[in-house]
Each structure stands twice: as structure tokens, then as C-alpha cells.
C-alpha atoms as a PDB file:
ATOM      1  CA  MET A   1     110.166  26.762   0.784  1.00  0.00           C
ATOM      2  CA  PHE A   2     106.960  25.898  -0.490  1.00  0.00           C
ATOM      3  CA  ASP A   3     107.352  24.638  -3.786  1.00  0.00           C
ATOM      4  CA  ARG A   4     104.550  22.222  -5.373  1.00  0.00           C
ATOM      5  CA  GLN A   5     104.635  20.097  -8.386  1.00  0.00           C
ATOM      6  CA  THR A   6     101.752  19.529 -10.836  1.00  0.00           C
ATOM      7  CA  THR A   7     101.845  17.711 -13.869  1.00  0.00           C
ATOM      8  CA  ALA A   8      99.041  17.397 -16.541  1.00  0.00           C
ATOM      9  CA  PHE A   9      99.595  14.935 -19.575  1.00  0.00           C
ATOM     10  CA  ALA A  10      96.511  13.278 -21.148  1.00  0.00           C
ATOM     11  CA  GLY A  11      93.717  14.766 -19.181  1.00  0.00           C
ATOM     12  CA  ASN A  12      95.279  13.241 -16.114  1.00  0.00           C
ATOM     13  CA  LEU A  13      96.289  15.908 -13.100  1.00  0.00           C
ATOM     14  CA  ILE A  14      99.315  14.408 -11.431  1.00  0.00           C
ATOM     15  CA  ARG A  15     101.244  16.427  -8.312  1.00  0.00           C
ATOM     16  CA  ARG A  16     104.651  15.437  -6.860  1.00  0.00           C
ATOM     17  CA  ALA A  17     106.083  16.854  -4.020  1.00  0.00           C
ATOM     18  CA  PRO A  18     109.948  16.638  -3.643  1.00  0.00           C
ATOM     19  CA  LYS A  19     111.827  14.338  -1.739  1.00  0.00           C
ATOM     20  CA  ASP A  20     114.193  14.854   0.591  1.00  0.00           C
ATOM     21  CA  GLY A  21     114.407  18.190  -0.749  1.00  0.00           C
ATOM     22  CA  PHE A  22     115.207  17.856  -4.296  1.00  0.00           C
ATOM     23  CA  PRO A  23     113.234  19.323  -6.690  1.00  0.00           C
ATOM     24  CA  ALA A  24     111.361  17.129  -8.762  1.00  0.00           C
ATOM     25  CA  PHE A  25     111.927  16.161 -12.075  1.00  0.00           C
ATOM     26  CA  TRP A  26     110.390  17.021 -15.543  1.00  0.00           C
ATOM     27  CA  PRO A  27     107.429  14.595 -15.617  1.00  0.00           C
ATOM     28  CA  PHE A  28     108.961  13.209 -19.273  1.00  0.00           C
ATOM     29  CA  GLN A  29     112.591  12.389 -18.047  1.00  0.00           C
ATOM     30  CA  ALA A  30     112.033   8.779 -18.364  1.00  0.00           C
ATOM     31  CA  VAL A  31     110.861   9.426 -22.100  1.00  0.00           C
ATOM     32  CA  TYR A  32     113.799  10.964 -23.052  1.00  0.00           C
ATOM     33  CA  PHE A  33     115.931   8.105 -22.622  1.00  0.00           C
ATOM     34  CA  VAL A  34     113.458   5.389 -24.591  1.00  0.00           C
ATOM     35  CA  HIS A  35     112.902   8.054 -27.630  1.00  0.00           C
ATOM     36  CA  THR A  36     115.773   9.603 -29.368  1.00  0.00           C
ATOM     37  CA  SER A  37     113.726  12.203 -30.320  1.00  0.00           C
ATOM     38  CA  PHE A  38     111.336  14.817 -28.493  1.00  0.00           C
ATOM     39  CA  MET A  39     109.241  15.227 -31.366  1.00  0.00           C
ATOM     40  CA  ALA A  40     107.030  12.402 -30.072  1.00  0.00           C
ATOM     41  CA  MET A  41     106.521  14.419 -26.947  1.00  0.00           C
ATOM     42  CA  THR A  42     104.392  17.352 -28.244  1.00  0.00           C
ATOM     43  CA  GLU A  43     102.108  18.196 -25.070  1.00  0.00           C
ATOM     44  CA  GLN A  44     103.739  18.796 -21.438  1.00  0.00           C
ATOM     45  CA  ARG A  45     103.291  20.573 -19.040  1.00  0.00           C
ATOM     46  CA  VAL A  46     104.252  21.211 -15.652  1.00  0.00           C
ATOM     47  CA  SER A  47     103.258  23.625 -12.763  1.00  0.00           C
ATOM     48  CA  TYR A  48     104.956  24.941  -9.412  1.00  0.00           C
ATOM     49  CA  THR A  49     103.778  27.425  -7.253  1.00  0.00           C
ATOM     50  CA  LEU A  50     106.607  29.089  -5.255  1.00  0.00           C
ATOM     51  CA  ASP A  51     106.845  31.201  -1.943  1.00  0.00           C
ATOM     52  CA  SER A  52     107.730  34.534  -2.355  1.00  0.00           C
ATOM     53  CA  SER A  53     111.198  35.188  -1.533  1.00  0.00           C
ATOM     54  CA  LEU A  54     114.632  35.175  -3.075  1.00  0.00           C
ATOM     55  CA  GLU A  55     115.311  31.528  -2.986  1.00  0.00           C
ATOM     56  CA  THR A  56     111.928  31.605  -5.769  1.00  0.00           C
ATOM     57  CA  ILE A  57     114.334  33.586  -7.941  1.00  0.00           C
ATOM     58  CA  ASP A  58     117.240  31.103  -7.992  1.00  0.00           C
ATOM     59  CA  SER A  59     114.579  27.785  -7.889  1.00  0.00           C
ATOM     60  CA  ALA A  60     113.082  29.332 -11.000  1.00  0.00           C
ATOM     61  CA  GLU A  61     116.239  29.880 -12.600  1.00  0.00           C
ATOM     62  CA  GLU A  62     117.155  26.342 -11.836  1.00  0.00           C
ATOM     63  CA  LYS A  63     114.060  24.633 -13.634  1.00  0.00           C
ATOM     64  CA  ALA A  64     113.835  26.712 -16.321  1.00  0.00           C
ATOM     65  CA  THR A  65     117.356  25.595 -17.007  1.00  0.00           C
ATOM     66  CA  ARG A  66     116.645  21.450 -16.304  1.00  0.00           C
ATOM     67  CA  VAL A  67     113.341  21.665 -18.380  1.00  0.00           C
ATOM     68  CA  ALA A  68     115.121  23.700 -21.322  1.00  0.00           C
ATOM     69  CA  THR A  69     117.954  21.694 -21.369  1.00  0.00           C
ATOM     70  CA  GLU A  70     115.888  17.892 -21.276  1.00  0.00           C
ATOM     71  CA  LEU A  71     113.946  19.340 -24.334  1.00  0.00           C
ATOM     72  CA  GLY A  72     116.833  20.016 -26.553  1.00  0.00           C
ATOM     73  CA  PHE A  73     117.308  23.242 -26.429  1.00  0.00           C
ATOM     74  CA  GLY A  74     121.538  24.109 -27.227  1.00  0.00           C
ATOM     75  CA  ASP A  75     123.377  25.889 -24.593  1.00  0.00           C
ATOM     76  CA  ASP A  76     123.075  29.471 -25.644  1.00  0.00           C
ATOM     77  CA  GLU A  77     118.976  28.852 -25.954  1.00  0.00           C
ATOM     78  CA  VAL A  78     119.095  27.386 -22.423  1.00  0.00           C
ATOM     79  CA  MET A  79     120.739  30.762 -20.918  1.00  0.00           C
ATOM     80  CA  GLN A  80     118.078  32.879 -22.652  1.00  0.00           C
ATOM     81  CA  ILE A  81     115.393  30.788 -21.496  1.00  0.00           C
ATOM     82  CA  SER A  82     116.972  30.554 -17.964  1.00  0.00           C
ATOM     83  CA  MET A  83     117.995  34.470 -17.347  1.00  0.00           C
ATOM     84  CA  ALA A  84     114.424  35.292 -18.852  1.00  0.00           C
ATOM     85  CA  VAL A  85     112.837  33.031 -16.102  1.00  0.00           C
ATOM     86  CA  ARG A  86     114.663  34.552 -13.159  1.00  0.00           C
ATOM     87  CA  GLU A  87     114.166  38.186 -14.892  1.00  0.00           C
ATOM     88  CA  GLY A  88     110.492  37.634 -14.322  1.00  0.00           C
ATOM     89  CA  ALA A  89     110.876  35.830 -11.677  1.00  0.00           C
ATOM     90  CA  VAL A  90     112.331  38.848  -9.845  1.00  0.00           C
ATOM     91  CA  ASN A  91     109.591  41.042 -11.003  1.00  0.00           C
ATOM     92  CA  ALA A  92     106.947  38.586  -9.707  1.00  0.00           C
ATOM     93  CA  VAL A  93     108.489  38.254  -6.461  1.00  0.00           C
ATOM     94  CA  LEU A  94     109.879  41.909  -5.996  1.00  0.00           C
ATOM     95  CA  HIS A  95     107.462  44.209  -7.879  1.00  0.00           C
ATOM     96  CA  GLY A  96     104.246  41.957  -7.658  1.00  0.00           C
ATOM     97  CA  ASN A  97     104.510  40.275  -4.296  1.00  0.00           C
ATOM     98  CA  ALA A  98     106.520  42.561  -2.482  1.00  0.00           C
ATOM     99  CA  TYR A  99     108.035  39.525  -0.792  1.00  0.00           C
ATOM    100  CA  ALA A 100     104.313  39.427   0.870  1.00  0.00           C
ATOM    101  CA  PRO A 101     104.795  35.652   2.861  1.00  0.00           C
ATOM    102  CA  ASP A 102     100.950  35.333   1.853  1.00  0.00           C
ATOM    103  CA  LYS A 103     101.392  36.056  -1.538  1.00  0.00           C
ATOM    104  CA  LYS A 104     102.733  32.694  -4.216  1.00  0.00           C
ATOM    105  CA  VAL A 105     103.897  33.184  -7.477  1.00  0.00           C
ATOM    106  CA  THR A 106     103.335  30.547  -9.820  1.00  0.00           C
ATOM    107  CA  LEU A 107     105.357  29.153 -12.384  1.00  0.00           C
ATOM    108  CA  ALA A 108     104.588  27.452 -15.662  1.00  0.00           C
ATOM    109  CA  PHE A 109     106.262  24.931 -18.589  1.00  0.00           C
ATOM    110  CA  GLU A 110     104.397  24.005 -21.200  1.00  0.00           C
ATOM    111  CA  ARG A 111     105.580  22.027 -24.390  1.00  0.00           C
ATOM    112  CA  ILE A 112     103.039  22.666 -27.312  1.00  0.00           C
ATOM    113  CA  GLY A 113     104.429  20.920 -30.384  1.00  0.00           C
ATOM    114  CA  GLU A 114     107.030  23.574 -31.105  1.00  0.00           C
ATOM    115  CA  GLU A 115     106.549  25.936 -28.800  1.00  0.00           C
ATOM    116  CA  LEU A 116     107.916  26.258 -24.803  1.00  0.00           C
ATOM    117  CA  ILE A 117     105.536  28.434 -23.178  1.00  0.00           C
ATOM    118  CA  ILE A 118     106.758  29.755 -19.760  1.00  0.00           C
ATOM    119  CA  THR A 119     103.907  31.403 -17.346  1.00  0.00           C
ATOM    120  CA  ILE A 120     104.413  33.528 -14.144  1.00  0.00           C
ATOM    121  CA  ARG A 121     101.924  34.285 -12.237  1.00  0.00           C
ATOM    122  CA  ASP A 122     102.204  36.762  -8.963  1.00  0.00           C
ATOM    123  CA  GLN A 123      99.563  37.819  -6.952  1.00  0.00           C
ATOM    124  CA  GLY A 124     100.320  41.454  -6.852  1.00  0.00           C
ATOM    125  CA  LYS A 125      98.107  44.448  -7.170  1.00  0.00           C
ATOM    126  CA  GLY A 126      99.447  44.397 -11.189  1.00  0.00           C
ATOM    127  CA  MET A 127     101.453  47.176 -12.905  1.00  0.00           C
ATOM    128  CA  ASP A 128     100.764  50.341 -15.024  1.00  0.00           C
ATOM    129  CA  LEU A 129     102.898  49.057 -18.263  1.00  0.00           C
ATOM    130  CA  SER A 130     102.635  52.543 -19.192  1.00  0.00           C
ATOM    131  CA  LYS A 131     105.316  53.446 -16.883  1.00  0.00           C
ATOM    132  CA  ILE A 132     107.754  51.484 -17.771  1.00  0.00           C
ATOM    133  CA  PRO A 133     111.576  53.027 -18.657  1.00  0.00           C
ATOM    134  CA  ASN A 134     113.018  52.562 -21.851  1.00  0.00           C
ATOM    135  CA  PRO A 135     116.179  51.208 -20.398  1.00  0.00           C
ATOM    136  CA  LEU A 136     117.988  52.579 -23.434  1.00  0.00           C
ATOM    137  CA  ALA A 137     117.070  56.343 -22.868  1.00  0.00           C
ATOM    138  CA  PRO A 138     120.212  57.974 -21.771  1.00  0.00           C
ATOM    139  CA  GLU A 139     118.866  59.078 -18.579  1.00  0.00           C
ATOM    140  CA  ASN A 140     118.741  55.186 -18.121  1.00  0.00           C
ATOM    141  CA  LEU A 141     122.020  53.725 -19.125  1.00  0.00           C
ATOM    142  CA  LEU A 142     124.182  53.795 -15.812  1.00  0.00           C
ATOM    143  CA  LYS A 143     120.831  52.523 -13.496  1.00  0.00           C
ATOM    144  CA  THR A 144     121.688  49.086 -11.812  1.00  0.00           C
ATOM    145  CA  SER A 145     118.120  47.842 -12.277  1.00  0.00           C
ATOM    146  CA  GLY A 146     115.194  48.511 -14.856  1.00  0.00           C
ATOM    147  CA  ARG A 147     116.157  46.112 -17.624  1.00  0.00           C
ATOM    148  CA  GLY A 148     114.130  42.908 -16.900  1.00  0.00           C
ATOM    149  CA  ILE A 149     111.198  43.351 -19.477  1.00  0.00           C
ATOM    150  CA  PHE A 150     114.236  44.916 -22.035  1.00  0.00           C
ATOM    151  CA  LEU A 151     116.092  41.008 -21.503  1.00  0.00           C
ATOM    152  CA  MET A 152     113.246  38.561 -21.919  1.00  0.00           C
ATOM    153  CA  ARG A 153     112.006  40.523 -24.768  1.00  0.00           C
ATOM    154  CA  SER A 154     115.779  40.237 -26.352  1.00  0.00           C
ATOM    155  CA  PHE A 155     115.653  36.510 -25.300  1.00  0.00           C
ATOM    156  CA  MET A 156     112.523  35.144 -25.901  1.00  0.00           C
ATOM    157  CA  ASP A 157     110.433  35.075 -29.404  1.00  0.00           C
ATOM    158  CA  VAL A 158     107.441  36.613 -27.816  1.00  0.00           C
ATOM    159  CA  VAL A 159     106.556  38.270 -24.218  1.00  0.00           C
ATOM    160  CA  GLU A 160     103.334  39.112 -23.054  1.00  0.00           C
ATOM    161  CA  ILE A 161     102.422  40.937 -20.302  1.00  0.00           C
ATOM    162  CA  ARG A 162      99.226  40.922 -18.789  1.00  0.00           C
ATOM    163  CA  PRO A 163      98.510  43.153 -15.362  1.00  0.00           C
ATOM    164  CA  SER A 164      95.427  42.795 -13.637  1.00  0.00           C
ATOM    165  CA  SER A 165      94.201  43.872 -10.399  1.00  0.00           C
ATOM    166  CA  THR A 166      94.916  39.933  -8.643  1.00  0.00           C
ATOM    167  CA  GLY A 167      98.272  40.238 -10.278  1.00  0.00           C
ATOM    168  CA  THR A 168     100.418  39.864 -13.322  1.00  0.00           C
ATOM    169  CA  GLU A 169     100.702  37.092 -15.829  1.00  0.00           C
ATOM    170  CA  LEU A 170     104.094  37.040 -17.742  1.00  0.00           C
ATOM    171  CA  LYS A 171     104.032  34.364 -20.927  1.00  0.00           C
ATOM    172  CA  LEU A 172     107.355  34.063 -22.402  1.00  0.00           C
ATOM    173  CA  ILE A 173     107.667  31.820 -25.578  1.00  0.00           C
ATOM    174  CA  LYS A 174     110.680  29.762 -27.361  1.00  0.00           C
ATOM    175  CA  ARG A 175     110.271  28.227 -30.419  1.00  0.00           C
ATOM    176  CA  VAL A 176     112.266  24.782 -31.513  1.00  0.00           C
ATOM    177  CA  HIS A 177     113.298  24.918 -34.807  1.00  0.00           C
ATOM    178  CA  GLY A 178     114.094  21.659 -36.736  1.00  0.00           C
ATOM    179  CA  SER A 179     117.307  19.533 -34.953  1.00  0.00           C
ATOM    180  CA  THR A 180     120.741  20.525 -35.005  1.00  0.00           C
ATOM    181  CA  GLU A 181     123.726  17.791 -35.335  1.00  0.00           C
ATOM    182  CA  GLY A 182     123.977  15.702 -31.960  1.00  0.00           C
ATOM    183  CA  GLY A 183     120.746  15.428 -32.466  1.00  0.00           C
ATOM    184  CA  LYS A 184     119.654  18.661 -29.971  1.00  0.00           C
ATOM    185  CA  GLU A 185     116.444  20.609 -30.952  1.00  0.00           C
ATOM    186  CA  ALA A 186     117.763  24.336 -31.944  1.00  0.00           C
ATOM    187  CA  SER A 187     115.696  27.498 -31.477  1.00  0.00           C
ATOM    188  CA  GLN A 188     115.837  30.821 -33.581  1.00  0.00           C
END
């Protein structure tokens, strides 16, 4: 699987490839062990370019779990963030890129102040937001699919969908609110 990580910090751009098949780590992991609080780290960004494959969906979820955990979100918030990213990756791979091997999915995590901003971008033909069925409508309740955007909106503080003729960009935002017992930051 094609998996390239790009990190930007203080204007410097660093690219890393995974070593021995292990995913590259969140770039500020070492800082976490030196400092007892994430509050000192106000701006962080990591970006991945992924294939349009089923493996990308699992990889995106794993990366989201790792980033959210390392940023100090509680267990429930980590699950919500991971699930929202998984649903977004499914949409990008399946609906956006239609598994096309020549099309990529970009996954970016960025911490700005009190927000974790996750961007998922595909290279598909875009989508018509007015054609997304309501998963709570009686005729859709027993369907086995069609709840991804609904779940993302339930789990995240902000969900923005920007379709275009060159793909769809999905922006997921989860806010960090204060500290809880054990030093972990909590979100509401």
C-alpha cells in the first residue's frame, strides 16, 4: 500500500516513509513524553497519501486512534474520532474514488489550539449533497448502509463536506476542552 507521511512544523516540511512496514509515528510523540501537557503544543500537522483500497480504511482508522490517543482525548472521544474517520475513509475509497488504483485518498490531522481538524480528500467526481438519503426516514431504517455521514455528524463537533468536480473534501473537527483526572484532555 502506498502510504506517505508528511509533517509540517514551524514552517519546516518533513517527509517520512514507514520503516519495516510499521506506520510512521505522530511527529510530536517524543514531546509528549518530555512535557506533561499537550497545551504547549498548539500547532501540529501530519498528512498521509493512501491508495483507494480496503486496507486504507483500516489504516485511516488506526492512524486516527493513535493521533486522538496521543493528543489526550478520552476513550469515548477516541472511539468517536476513529469511527468518524473510518466512515469518511469508506466514503472516499468506495463512493469517491470507486477503488480506482490511480486515485489517492489524502488524510490529514492537524491540531490548532483547542481543535483537532481531520481532512479526508478523494479524487472522485464529487457528489450531490441533496441526494443523500435521510437514514432516519422510515423507508431507510432497515437498510444496511447509508449512515456514514449521519454517524460523522453525531460523533464530531463540526462536519463540513465540500464536493467539487475533482473530488470531495471532508473536514471533521473535534474540540478539546480542559483537563480531566489523570491529565487527559476531554472533549464535549
